[in-house]
């Protein structure tokens, strides 16, 4: 359906000047009235307004039993959460993830694409204006003449300069709903970026603490190798003196070989973790190395807060909620297809057969008017698209609620693990002390000839195992400590860090 009114080029003369001017004014007023009506109607929007889905959350965490006494300075961590461990090397490594990690850079540019898509949708709220300059020349044969027997060719030239404007008023909120959906999708992309950032930072911290654990185990393994070498020397001397047997010497050699194998395996694990950290900080593994340290940081108290606070802290939960908002807006986009679409257009310029003096009143042309279009029958296509959007919304709501349940589970898991690991660490400390006393006594008894070398091997194995278990528990405590921070959403002001991402150098 077309309601376009046009005025073709007219011949200018003084007698009809006032009439033409009045007609133009009348058309402009009519067009302006239509524009005002369009603006008034565009204040409504099809589809449901968004409301955040209700999430059931417990009043408090069940496993929050005070696994470690919080120091007086323990406050809610913000931003650079890793500083609570007081490790200078870790404090140097973590910022490099934000600056140099290529996976994070890829996520950042995905977010930038989402922002650009949102800007593109927002452009649909404004009219479009275009300019044109055309020059055409055509020939037309009029047939054979009776006198000459030949054909007559007519050549026609046309030149024009004009401006065209068009606008589709957003009567039913289709454009606004699409903008709303694209903005929600861009925010979803941003939360995904923050979640990727947190995940990489957590992975770096956990790999780093495992290296520190391995450093301690390697030092223990080296000490064990040295001790077993001394034991082998002592056993060989006793054998040469006729006090020990060849079997004792063989057992001492086997024990030393096993200790060297363990030392080599631990060194391999450390090298692989060091290479993994190099990738995380955006550096070739061949150029990266970490100094060895023979100590580990202590686990730190983390303010847990309330389960309901997870909805505002965890980027994955916030990303899921933004997906719900985008799906809700898409319902409005599909519903707007049931209403007519109005296009307001205007065109004006100058047209003549030649360019010289084309800009004159006698060559003026213009047209303005609305065009209304409405789909009367589509075989149920619009209903199917709307139903699809409604079910997509329900899907995102279910996913959002599922992620919230998993978030609470993850916090409870880490709290339970930290509580039990604290108990294990205390009991293992007693086991280490008892194993060291036992080894000292058995070694003295062997030197006195009161027990066989098999008793020494048993005591040495028990002591080495107890020390290794203690180191593993300490390392596991730190890994779970970091996992709890991740489950709680990381630093409270972590979202501001996306501005530090930039184009890779």
Protein backbone atom coordinates (compact mmCIF):
# COMPACT_ATOMS: atom_id res chain seq x y z
CA UNK A 1 0.00 0.00 0.00
CA UNK A 2 1.52 3.30 -1.10
CA UNK A 3 0.52 6.80 -0.08
CA UNK A 4 3.36 8.63 -1.81
CA UNK A 5 2.63 12.05 -3.25
CA UNK A 6 5.02 13.40 -5.88
CA UNK A 7 5.55 16.61 -7.82
CA UNK A 8 7.31 16.25 -11.17
CA UNK A 9 9.55 18.98 -12.62
CA UNK A 10 7.44 22.02 -13.42
CA UNK A 11 7.94 25.11 -15.54
CA UNK A 12 8.58 28.14 -13.40
CA UNK A 13 6.68 31.39 -14.02
CA UNK A 14 5.67 34.27 -11.79
CA UNK A 15 1.93 33.63 -12.13
CA UNK A 16 1.97 30.28 -10.30
CA UNK A 17 4.82 31.02 -7.85
CA UNK A 18 2.54 31.72 -4.87
CA UNK A 19 0.39 28.70 -5.58
CA UNK A 20 3.38 26.38 -5.71
CA UNK A 21 4.85 27.83 -2.52
CA UNK A 22 1.55 27.34 -0.69
CA UNK A 23 1.29 23.75 -1.90
CA UNK A 24 4.82 23.04 -0.67
CA UNK A 25 4.03 24.53 2.73
CA UNK A 26 0.86 22.44 2.96
CA UNK A 27 2.75 19.27 2.07
CA UNK A 28 5.47 20.07 4.61
CA UNK A 29 2.85 20.58 7.32
CA UNK A 30 1.17 17.31 6.40
CA UNK A 31 4.50 15.52 6.48
CA UNK A 32 5.37 17.11 9.85
CA UNK A 33 2.02 16.08 11.31
CA UNK A 34 2.64 12.54 10.21
CA UNK A 35 6.07 12.71 11.82
CA UNK A 36 4.60 13.85 15.15
CA UNK A 37 2.00 11.07 15.06
CA UNK A 38 4.77 8.59 14.33
CA UNK A 39 6.79 9.78 17.30
CA UNK A 40 3.76 9.48 19.57
CA UNK A 41 2.97 5.97 18.42
CA UNK A 42 6.61 4.88 18.69
CA UNK A 43 6.50 5.33 22.46
CA UNK A 44 5.04 1.82 22.84
CA UNK A 45 6.97 -1.40 22.35
CA UNK A 46 5.74 -4.89 21.60
CA UNK A 47 6.62 -7.78 23.86
CA UNK A 48 7.06 -8.18 27.63
CA UNK A 49 9.24 -5.80 29.61
CA UNK A 50 12.20 -7.58 31.17
CA UNK A 51 12.24 -8.74 34.77
CA UNK A 52 15.12 -10.67 36.27
CA UNK A 53 14.05 -14.30 36.93
CA UNK A 54 13.60 -15.19 40.59
CA UNK A 55 16.39 -17.34 42.03
CA UNK A 56 16.05 -19.29 45.25
CA UNK A 57 19.18 -19.07 47.36
CA UNK A 58 19.82 -20.33 50.91
CA UNK A 59 20.26 -17.90 53.78
CA UNK A 60 23.87 -18.98 54.32
CA UNK A 61 26.44 -21.53 53.21
CA UNK A 62 26.19 -24.81 55.08
CA UNK A 63 29.93 -25.59 54.94
CA UNK A 64 31.08 -22.17 56.14
CA UNK A 65 32.45 -23.48 59.43
CA UNK A 66 35.44 -21.27 59.84
CA UNK A 67 38.07 -23.52 58.24
CA UNK A 68 40.69 -20.94 59.18
CA UNK A 69 40.51 -18.11 61.67
CA UNK A 70 40.32 -14.80 59.85
CA UNK A 71 43.02 -12.34 60.79
CA UNK A 72 41.91 -8.90 61.99
CA UNK A 73 42.91 -7.42 58.62
CA UNK A 74 40.88 -9.93 56.61
CA UNK A 75 38.48 -7.80 54.56
CA UNK A 76 36.54 -8.47 51.36
CA UNK A 77 39.18 -8.77 48.65
CA UNK A 78 38.87 -6.50 45.65
CA UNK A 79 40.48 -6.40 42.23
CA UNK A 80 43.88 -8.07 42.51
CA UNK A 81 42.73 -10.89 44.78
CA UNK A 82 46.03 -12.80 44.53
CA UNK A 83 47.87 -10.23 46.67
CA UNK A 84 46.31 -11.75 49.80
CA UNK A 85 48.87 -14.56 49.55
CA UNK A 86 51.79 -12.15 49.85
CA UNK A 87 53.88 -13.83 47.12
CA UNK A 88 55.94 -11.28 45.18
CA UNK A 89 56.58 -13.57 42.22
CA UNK A 90 52.87 -14.29 41.82
CA UNK A 91 52.12 -10.57 42.08
CA UNK A 92 54.45 -9.98 39.13
CA UNK A 93 52.99 -12.76 37.00
CA UNK A 94 49.26 -12.10 37.34
CA UNK A 95 49.16 -8.67 35.64
CA UNK A 96 50.90 -10.18 32.61
CA UNK A 97 47.84 -12.34 31.94
CA UNK A 98 45.74 -9.23 31.40
CA UNK A 99 48.34 -7.61 29.15
CA UNK A 100 49.69 -10.48 27.09
CA UNK A 101 47.46 -13.57 27.14
CA UNK A 102 46.30 -14.17 23.58
CA UNK A 103 43.16 -16.13 24.51
CA UNK A 104 42.04 -13.17 26.58
CA UNK A 105 42.79 -10.83 23.69
CA UNK A 106 40.56 -12.98 21.46
CA UNK A 107 37.73 -12.74 24.01
CA UNK A 108 38.23 -8.99 24.19
CA UNK A 109 37.75 -8.56 20.44
CA UNK A 110 34.69 -10.80 20.56
CA UNK A 111 33.30 -8.29 23.05
CA UNK A 112 34.20 -5.42 20.72
CA UNK A 113 32.30 -7.13 17.91
CA UNK A 114 29.24 -7.36 20.15
CA UNK A 115 29.48 -3.64 20.90
CA UNK A 116 29.66 -2.85 17.20
CA UNK A 117 26.59 -5.00 16.54
CA UNK A 118 24.72 -3.08 19.24
CA UNK A 119 25.69 0.22 17.61
CA UNK A 120 24.50 -1.11 14.25
CA UNK A 121 21.08 -1.97 15.68
CA UNK A 122 20.80 1.45 17.33
CA UNK A 123 21.33 3.12 13.93
CA UNK A 124 17.91 1.78 12.90
CA UNK A 125 16.29 4.39 15.14
CA UNK A 126 17.43 7.23 12.86
CA UNK A 127 16.52 8.28 9.32
CA UNK A 128 18.84 7.67 6.39
CA UNK A 129 19.94 10.40 4.01
CA UNK A 130 21.62 9.85 0.67
CA UNK A 131 22.76 12.07 -2.21
CA UNK A 132 22.92 11.20 -5.88
CA UNK A 133 24.24 12.68 -9.10
CA UNK A 134 23.23 10.91 -12.32
CA UNK A 135 23.88 11.40 -16.00
CA UNK A 136 22.16 9.21 -18.61
CA UNK A 137 22.05 9.16 -22.41
CA UNK A 138 19.76 6.83 -24.37
CA UNK A 139 18.83 6.29 -28.05
CA UNK A 140 15.51 5.08 -29.44
CA UNK A 141 14.78 4.03 -33.07
CA UNK A 142 11.40 5.23 -34.40
CA UNK A 143 11.27 2.94 -37.46
CA UNK A 144 11.77 3.28 -41.28
CA UNK A 145 10.66 6.48 -43.10
CA UNK A 146 8.83 6.35 -46.45
CA UNK A 147 11.03 8.93 -48.21
CA UNK A 148 14.52 7.82 -47.28
CA UNK A 149 13.93 4.19 -46.47
CA UNK A 150 16.08 4.56 -43.37
CA UNK A 151 15.29 4.66 -39.61
CA UNK A 152 15.05 7.69 -37.36
CA UNK A 153 16.96 7.61 -34.05
CA UNK A 154 16.04 9.86 -31.16
CA UNK A 155 18.70 10.59 -28.52
CA UNK A 156 17.62 11.60 -25.03
CA UNK A 157 19.93 12.96 -22.31
CA UNK A 158 19.10 13.27 -18.63
CA UNK A 159 21.01 14.85 -15.74
CA UNK A 160 19.90 15.05 -12.12
CA UNK A 161 21.15 16.04 -8.69
CA UNK A 162 19.12 15.05 -5.65
CA UNK A 163 18.78 14.11 -2.01
CA UNK A 164 16.72 11.20 -0.67
CA UNK A 165 15.64 10.75 2.95
CA UNK A 166 13.71 7.86 4.47
CA UNK A 167 12.71 6.82 7.97
CA UNK A 168 10.84 3.86 9.38
CA UNK A 169 9.25 5.04 12.64
CA UNK A 170 9.61 2.46 15.39
CA UNK A 171 5.87 2.32 16.10
CA UNK A 172 5.85 -1.05 17.78
CA UNK A 173 9.30 -1.00 19.33
CA UNK A 174 10.91 -3.52 16.98
CA UNK A 175 14.10 -1.51 16.68
CA UNK A 176 14.18 -0.70 20.39
CA UNK A 177 13.67 -4.34 21.30
CA UNK A 178 16.45 -5.32 18.90
CA UNK A 179 18.71 -2.68 20.44
CA UNK A 180 17.77 -4.01 23.87
CA UNK A 181 18.63 -7.55 22.77
CA UNK A 182 21.95 -6.55 21.20
CA UNK A 183 22.93 -4.47 24.23
CA UNK A 184 22.17 -7.46 26.47
CA UNK A 185 24.25 -9.66 24.17
CA UNK A 186 27.14 -7.20 24.33
CA UNK A 187 26.91 -7.25 28.13
CA UNK A 188 26.82 -11.05 27.97
CA UNK A 189 30.00 -10.95 25.89
CA UNK A 190 31.59 -8.61 28.42
CA UNK A 191 30.76 -10.92 31.31
CA UNK A 192 32.18 -13.82 29.32
CA UNK A 193 35.35 -11.78 28.89
CA UNK A 194 35.52 -11.20 32.64
CA UNK A 195 34.88 -14.87 33.29
CA UNK A 196 37.68 -15.86 30.90
CA UNK A 197 39.94 -13.34 32.61
CA UNK A 198 39.18 -14.75 36.06
CA UNK A 199 39.59 -18.33 34.83
CA UNK A 200 43.03 -17.60 33.36
CA UNK A 201 44.17 -15.76 36.49
CA UNK A 202 42.98 -18.65 38.66
CA UNK A 203 44.73 -21.19 36.44
CA UNK A 204 47.96 -19.21 36.70
CA UNK A 205 47.74 -19.02 40.50
CA UNK A 206 46.98 -22.73 40.82
CA UNK A 207 49.82 -23.71 38.46
CA UNK A 208 52.15 -21.39 40.35
CA UNK A 209 51.27 -22.90 43.74
CA UNK A 210 51.73 -26.40 42.32
CA UNK A 211 55.22 -25.37 41.20
CA UNK A 212 55.94 -24.13 44.71
CA UNK A 213 54.74 -27.48 46.06
CA UNK A 214 56.96 -29.31 43.57
CA UNK A 215 59.93 -27.13 44.53
CA UNK A 216 59.51 -28.28 48.13
CA UNK A 217 59.07 -31.89 47.05
CA UNK A 218 62.12 -31.69 44.78
CA UNK A 219 64.16 -30.32 47.68
CA UNK A 220 62.84 -33.16 49.84
CA UNK A 221 63.63 -35.68 47.09
CA UNK A 222 67.16 -34.30 46.74
CA UNK A 223 67.61 -34.58 50.47
CA UNK A 224 66.29 -38.14 50.31
CA UNK A 225 68.75 -39.01 47.54
CA UNK A 226 71.60 -37.58 49.61
CA UNK A 227 70.47 -39.52 52.68
CA UNK A 228 70.11 -42.75 50.70
CA UNK A 229 73.59 -42.27 49.23
CA UNK A 230 74.96 -42.02 52.76
CA UNK A 231 72.94 -45.07 53.78
CA UNK A 232 74.35 -47.00 50.81
CA UNK A 233 77.89 -45.97 51.73
CA UNK A 234 77.32 -47.00 55.35
CA UNK A 235 75.81 -50.34 54.29
CA UNK A 236 78.70 -51.06 51.91
CA UNK A 237 81.18 -50.30 54.69
CA UNK A 238 79.32 -52.61 57.05
CA UNK A 239 79.26 -55.28 54.35
CA UNK A 240 83.00 -54.88 53.82
CA UNK A 241 83.42 -55.26 57.56
CA UNK A 242 81.32 -58.42 57.55
CA UNK A 243 78.52 -56.87 59.60
CA UNK A 244 75.89 -56.54 56.82
CA UNK A 245 74.88 -58.84 54.00
CA UNK A 246 74.92 -58.45 50.25
CA UNK A 247 71.12 -58.27 50.40
CA UNK A 248 71.36 -55.14 52.55
CA UNK A 249 73.61 -53.52 49.94
CA UNK A 250 71.18 -54.45 47.13
CA UNK A 251 68.24 -53.05 49.07
CA UNK A 252 70.12 -49.79 49.69
CA UNK A 253 70.96 -49.53 45.97
CA UNK A 254 67.31 -50.16 45.01
CA UNK A 255 66.12 -47.54 47.47
CA UNK A 256 68.55 -44.96 46.08
CA UNK A 257 67.52 -45.71 42.48
CA UNK A 258 63.84 -45.29 43.33
CA UNK A 259 64.56 -41.94 45.01
CA UNK A 260 66.39 -40.71 41.90
CA UNK A 261 63.44 -41.77 39.72
CA UNK A 262 61.07 -39.83 41.97
CA UNK A 263 63.34 -36.78 41.78
CA UNK A 264 63.33 -36.95 37.96
CA UNK A 265 59.51 -37.33 37.79
CA UNK A 266 59.01 -34.29 40.03
CA UNK A 267 61.39 -32.25 37.89
CA UNK A 268 59.42 -33.18 34.77
CA UNK A 269 56.15 -32.06 36.35
CA UNK A 270 57.71 -28.75 37.32
CA UNK A 271 59.04 -28.13 33.82
CA UNK A 272 55.62 -28.78 32.28
CA UNK A 273 53.87 -26.42 34.71
CA UNK A 274 56.50 -23.76 34.03
CA UNK A 275 55.81 -24.07 30.30
CA UNK A 276 52.06 -23.76 30.95
CA UNK A 277 52.60 -20.53 32.91
CA UNK A 278 54.69 -19.16 30.05
CA UNK A 279 51.72 -19.57 27.70
CA UNK A 280 49.39 -17.94 30.23
CA UNK A 281 51.55 -14.82 30.41
CA UNK A 282 52.00 -14.70 26.63
CA UNK A 283 55.66 -15.67 26.41
CA UNK A 284 57.39 -18.49 24.52
CA UNK A 285 58.17 -21.36 26.87
CA UNK A 286 61.79 -21.35 25.67
CA UNK A 287 62.31 -17.84 27.08
CA UNK A 288 60.54 -18.29 30.40
CA UNK A 289 61.73 -19.65 33.73
CA UNK A 290 60.73 -19.38 37.36
CA UNK A 291 63.26 -19.39 40.20
CA UNK A 292 63.00 -22.28 42.60
CA UNK A 293 61.68 -21.58 46.10
CA UNK A 294 61.69 -23.97 49.02
CA UNK A 295 58.61 -22.61 50.78
CA UNK A 296 54.91 -22.15 50.12
CA UNK A 297 52.51 -19.37 51.11
CA UNK A 298 49.93 -20.11 53.76
CA UNK A 299 46.21 -20.45 52.95
CA UNK A 300 44.34 -17.22 53.50
CA UNK A 301 40.94 -16.52 54.99
CA UNK A 302 38.39 -15.43 52.40
CA UNK A 303 35.20 -13.55 53.37
CA UNK A 304 32.47 -15.78 51.96
CA UNK A 305 29.44 -13.53 52.35
CA UNK A 306 25.92 -14.68 51.53
CA UNK A 307 24.79 -16.99 48.71
CA UNK A 308 22.59 -14.24 47.27
CA UNK A 309 25.70 -12.11 46.68
CA UNK A 310 26.93 -14.60 44.10
CA UNK A 311 24.38 -13.22 41.63
CA UNK A 312 26.20 -9.89 41.66
CA UNK A 313 29.77 -11.20 41.85
CA UNK A 314 30.16 -14.16 39.51
CA UNK A 315 30.65 -13.15 35.87
CA UNK A 316 29.28 -16.46 34.55
CA UNK A 317 26.04 -15.92 36.46
CA UNK A 318 25.78 -12.35 35.23
CA UNK A 319 26.45 -13.53 31.68
CA UNK A 320 23.64 -16.08 31.96
CA UNK A 321 21.29 -13.38 33.24
CA UNK A 322 22.15 -11.16 30.27
CA UNK A 323 21.25 -14.03 27.96
CA UNK A 324 17.83 -14.12 29.58
CA UNK A 325 17.41 -10.38 28.98
CA UNK A 326 18.41 -10.74 25.31
CA UNK A 327 15.98 -13.62 24.79
CA UNK A 328 13.18 -11.63 26.43
CA UNK A 329 13.78 -8.70 24.05
CA UNK A 330 13.69 -11.03 21.05
CA UNK A 331 10.09 -11.93 21.94
CA UNK A 332 9.17 -8.28 21.36
CA UNK A 333 11.02 -8.28 18.05
CA UNK A 334 8.97 -11.25 16.82
CA UNK A 335 5.68 -9.76 18.08
CA UNK A 336 6.26 -6.52 16.17
CA UNK A 337 5.95 -8.50 12.92
CA UNK A 338 2.16 -8.62 13.48
CA UNK A 339 1.84 -4.84 13.07
CA UNK A 340 2.04 -2.69 9.93
CA UNK A 341 5.30 -1.02 8.99
CA UNK A 342 5.25 2.63 7.95
CA UNK A 343 8.02 4.21 5.91
CA UNK A 344 8.29 7.98 5.61
CA UNK A 345 10.32 9.10 2.61
CA UNK A 346 11.18 12.34 0.87
CA UNK A 347 13.14 13.11 -2.24
CA UNK A 348 14.14 16.36 -3.91
CA UNK A 349 16.60 17.85 -6.34
CA UNK A 350 17.06 19.21 -9.80
CA UNK A 351 16.63 17.46 -13.15
CA UNK A 352 17.42 18.62 -16.69
CA UNK A 353 18.80 17.37 -19.97
CA UNK A 354 22.12 19.21 -19.47
CA UNK A 355 24.21 20.05 -16.43
CA UNK A 356 24.80 23.78 -17.03
CA UNK A 357 22.30 25.85 -15.08
CA UNK A 358 20.65 22.72 -13.68
CA UNK A 359 20.26 24.45 -10.31
CA UNK A 360 17.24 26.57 -11.09
CA UNK A 361 13.63 26.71 -9.98
CA UNK A 362 12.38 25.42 -13.32
CA UNK A 363 14.35 22.17 -12.85
CA UNK A 364 13.22 21.46 -9.28
CA UNK A 365 11.49 18.20 -8.41
CA UNK A 366 10.47 16.66 -5.08
CA UNK A 367 8.29 13.97 -3.57
CA UNK A 368 7.24 13.12 -0.02
CA UNK A 369 4.82 10.73 1.60
CA UNK A 370 4.30 7.63 3.71
CA UNK A 371 4.26 3.99 2.62
CA UNK A 372 2.36 1.46 4.73
CA UNK A 373 2.92 -2.31 4.53
CA UNK A 374 1.20 -5.15 6.40
CA UNK A 375 1.51 -8.89 6.01
CA UNK A 376 -2.00 -10.34 5.83
CA UNK A 377 -1.19 -14.07 5.57
CA UNK A 378 2.03 -16.01 6.01
CA UNK A 379 0.88 -19.55 6.74
CA UNK A 380 1.77 -19.33 10.44
CA UNK A 381 5.41 -18.28 9.91
CA UNK A 382 5.22 -15.37 12.37
CA UNK A 383 3.53 -17.51 15.01
CA UNK A 384 6.26 -20.13 14.67
CA UNK A 385 9.02 -17.51 15.03
CA UNK A 386 7.31 -16.03 18.10
CA UNK A 387 6.91 -19.48 19.67
CA UNK A 388 10.57 -20.17 19.02
CA UNK A 389 11.54 -16.92 20.76
CA UNK A 390 9.33 -17.69 23.76
CA UNK A 391 10.85 -21.14 24.18
CA UNK A 392 14.35 -19.74 23.74
CA UNK A 393 13.59 -17.37 26.63
CA UNK A 394 12.40 -20.26 28.83
CA UNK A 395 15.57 -22.15 27.94
CA UNK A 396 17.81 -19.28 29.06
CA UNK A 397 15.85 -18.94 32.33
CA UNK A 398 16.38 -22.65 33.06
CA UNK A 399 20.09 -22.34 32.22
CA UNK A 400 20.42 -19.28 34.47
CA UNK A 401 18.85 -21.12 37.40
CA UNK A 402 20.99 -24.19 36.77
CA UNK A 403 24.19 -22.12 36.77
CA UNK A 404 23.10 -20.46 40.03
CA UNK A 405 22.63 -23.89 41.65
CA UNK A 406 26.05 -24.98 40.40
CA UNK A 407 27.60 -21.77 41.74
CA UNK A 408 26.30 -22.46 45.24
CA UNK A 409 27.49 -26.07 44.93
CA UNK A 410 30.98 -24.98 43.96
CA UNK A 411 31.27 -22.67 46.95
CA UNK A 412 30.01 -25.40 49.29
CA UNK A 413 32.47 -27.89 47.72
CA UNK A 414 35.47 -25.62 48.25
CA UNK A 415 34.42 -24.69 51.79
CA UNK A 416 34.06 -28.36 52.70
CA UNK A 417 37.39 -29.20 51.08
CA UNK A 418 39.21 -26.42 52.94
CA UNK A 419 37.71 -27.43 56.26
CA UNK A 420 38.69 -31.08 55.82
CA UNK A 421 42.12 -30.23 54.43
CA UNK A 422 42.80 -28.10 57.51
CA UNK A 423 42.08 -31.14 59.67
CA UNK A 424 44.23 -33.32 57.41
CA UNK A 425 47.12 -30.87 57.60
CA UNK A 426 46.99 -30.91 61.40
CA UNK A 427 46.92 -34.70 61.58
CA UNK A 428 49.63 -35.03 58.94
CA UNK A 429 51.91 -32.73 60.94
CA UNK A 430 51.69 -35.22 63.83
CA UNK A 431 52.39 -38.08 61.40
CA UNK A 432 55.53 -36.30 60.10
CA UNK A 433 56.81 -35.76 63.62
CA UNK A 434 56.21 -39.41 64.57
CA UNK A 435 57.85 -40.67 61.34
CA UNK A 436 60.97 -38.57 61.94
CA UNK A 437 61.30 -39.88 65.51
CA UNK A 438 60.84 -43.45 64.30
CA UNK A 439 63.49 -43.04 61.58
CA UNK A 440 66.00 -41.61 64.03
CA UNK A 441 65.50 -44.43 66.53
CA UNK A 442 65.61 -47.21 63.93
CA UNK A 443 68.78 -45.75 62.35
CA UNK A 444 70.48 -45.71 65.75
CA UNK A 445 69.38 -49.31 66.37
CA UNK A 446 70.73 -50.40 62.98
CA UNK A 447 74.07 -48.78 63.67
CA UNK A 448 74.14 -50.67 66.97
CA UNK A 449 73.38 -53.92 65.17
CA UNK A 450 70.03 -54.38 66.91
CA UNK A 451 67.81 -54.44 63.80
CA UNK A 452 68.20 -55.32 60.12
CA UNK A 453 68.49 -52.85 57.29
CA UNK A 454 64.94 -53.71 56.29
CA UNK A 455 63.74 -51.84 59.36
CA UNK A 456 65.71 -48.77 58.25
CA UNK A 457 64.20 -48.92 54.76
CA UNK A 458 60.71 -49.16 56.23
CA UNK A 459 61.29 -46.16 58.50
CA UNK A 460 62.90 -44.09 55.73
CA UNK A 461 60.01 -44.86 53.35
CA UNK A 462 57.46 -43.93 56.01
CA UNK A 463 59.23 -40.66 56.80
CA UNK A 464 59.59 -39.70 53.13
CA UNK A 465 55.93 -40.54 52.47
CA UNK A 466 54.78 -38.49 55.47
CA UNK A 467 56.73 -35.43 54.36
CA UNK A 468 55.46 -35.74 50.78
CA UNK A 469 51.88 -36.08 51.97
CA UNK A 470 52.24 -32.98 54.11
CA UNK A 471 53.53 -31.00 51.13
CA UNK A 472 50.75 -32.30 48.90
CA UNK A 473 48.12 -31.28 51.45
CA UNK A 474 49.63 -27.81 51.72
CA UNK A 475 49.66 -27.44 47.95
CA UNK A 476 46.10 -28.73 47.71
CA UNK A 477 45.00 -26.21 50.33
CA UNK A 478 46.34 -23.36 48.21
CA UNK A 479 44.74 -24.71 45.02
CA UNK A 480 41.35 -25.07 46.74
CA UNK A 481 41.82 -21.66 48.38
CA UNK A 482 42.11 -20.13 44.89
CA UNK A 483 39.17 -22.24 43.64
CA UNK A 484 37.03 -20.78 46.44
CA UNK A 485 37.96 -17.27 45.31
CA UNK A 486 36.92 -18.20 41.78
CA UNK A 487 33.64 -19.73 43.02
CA UNK A 488 32.91 -16.45 44.83
CA UNK A 489 33.50 -14.43 41.66
CA UNK A 490 37.03 -13.12 42.13
CA UNK A 491 37.77 -9.49 42.93
CA UNK A 492 34.78 -7.24 43.52
CA UNK A 493 36.04 -4.51 41.17
CA UNK A 494 37.49 -6.91 38.63
CA UNK A 495 35.14 -5.65 35.94
CA UNK A 496 37.05 -2.39 35.65
CA UNK A 497 40.08 -4.31 34.43
CA UNK A 498 38.71 -4.84 30.90
CA UNK A 499 39.79 -1.30 30.02
CA UNK A 500 43.42 -2.38 30.31
CA UNK A 501 43.07 -4.82 27.42
CA UNK A 502 44.41 -3.44 24.18
CA UNK A 503 45.41 -4.43 20.71
CA UNK A 504 48.22 -7.02 20.83
CA UNK A 505 51.59 -5.57 20.02
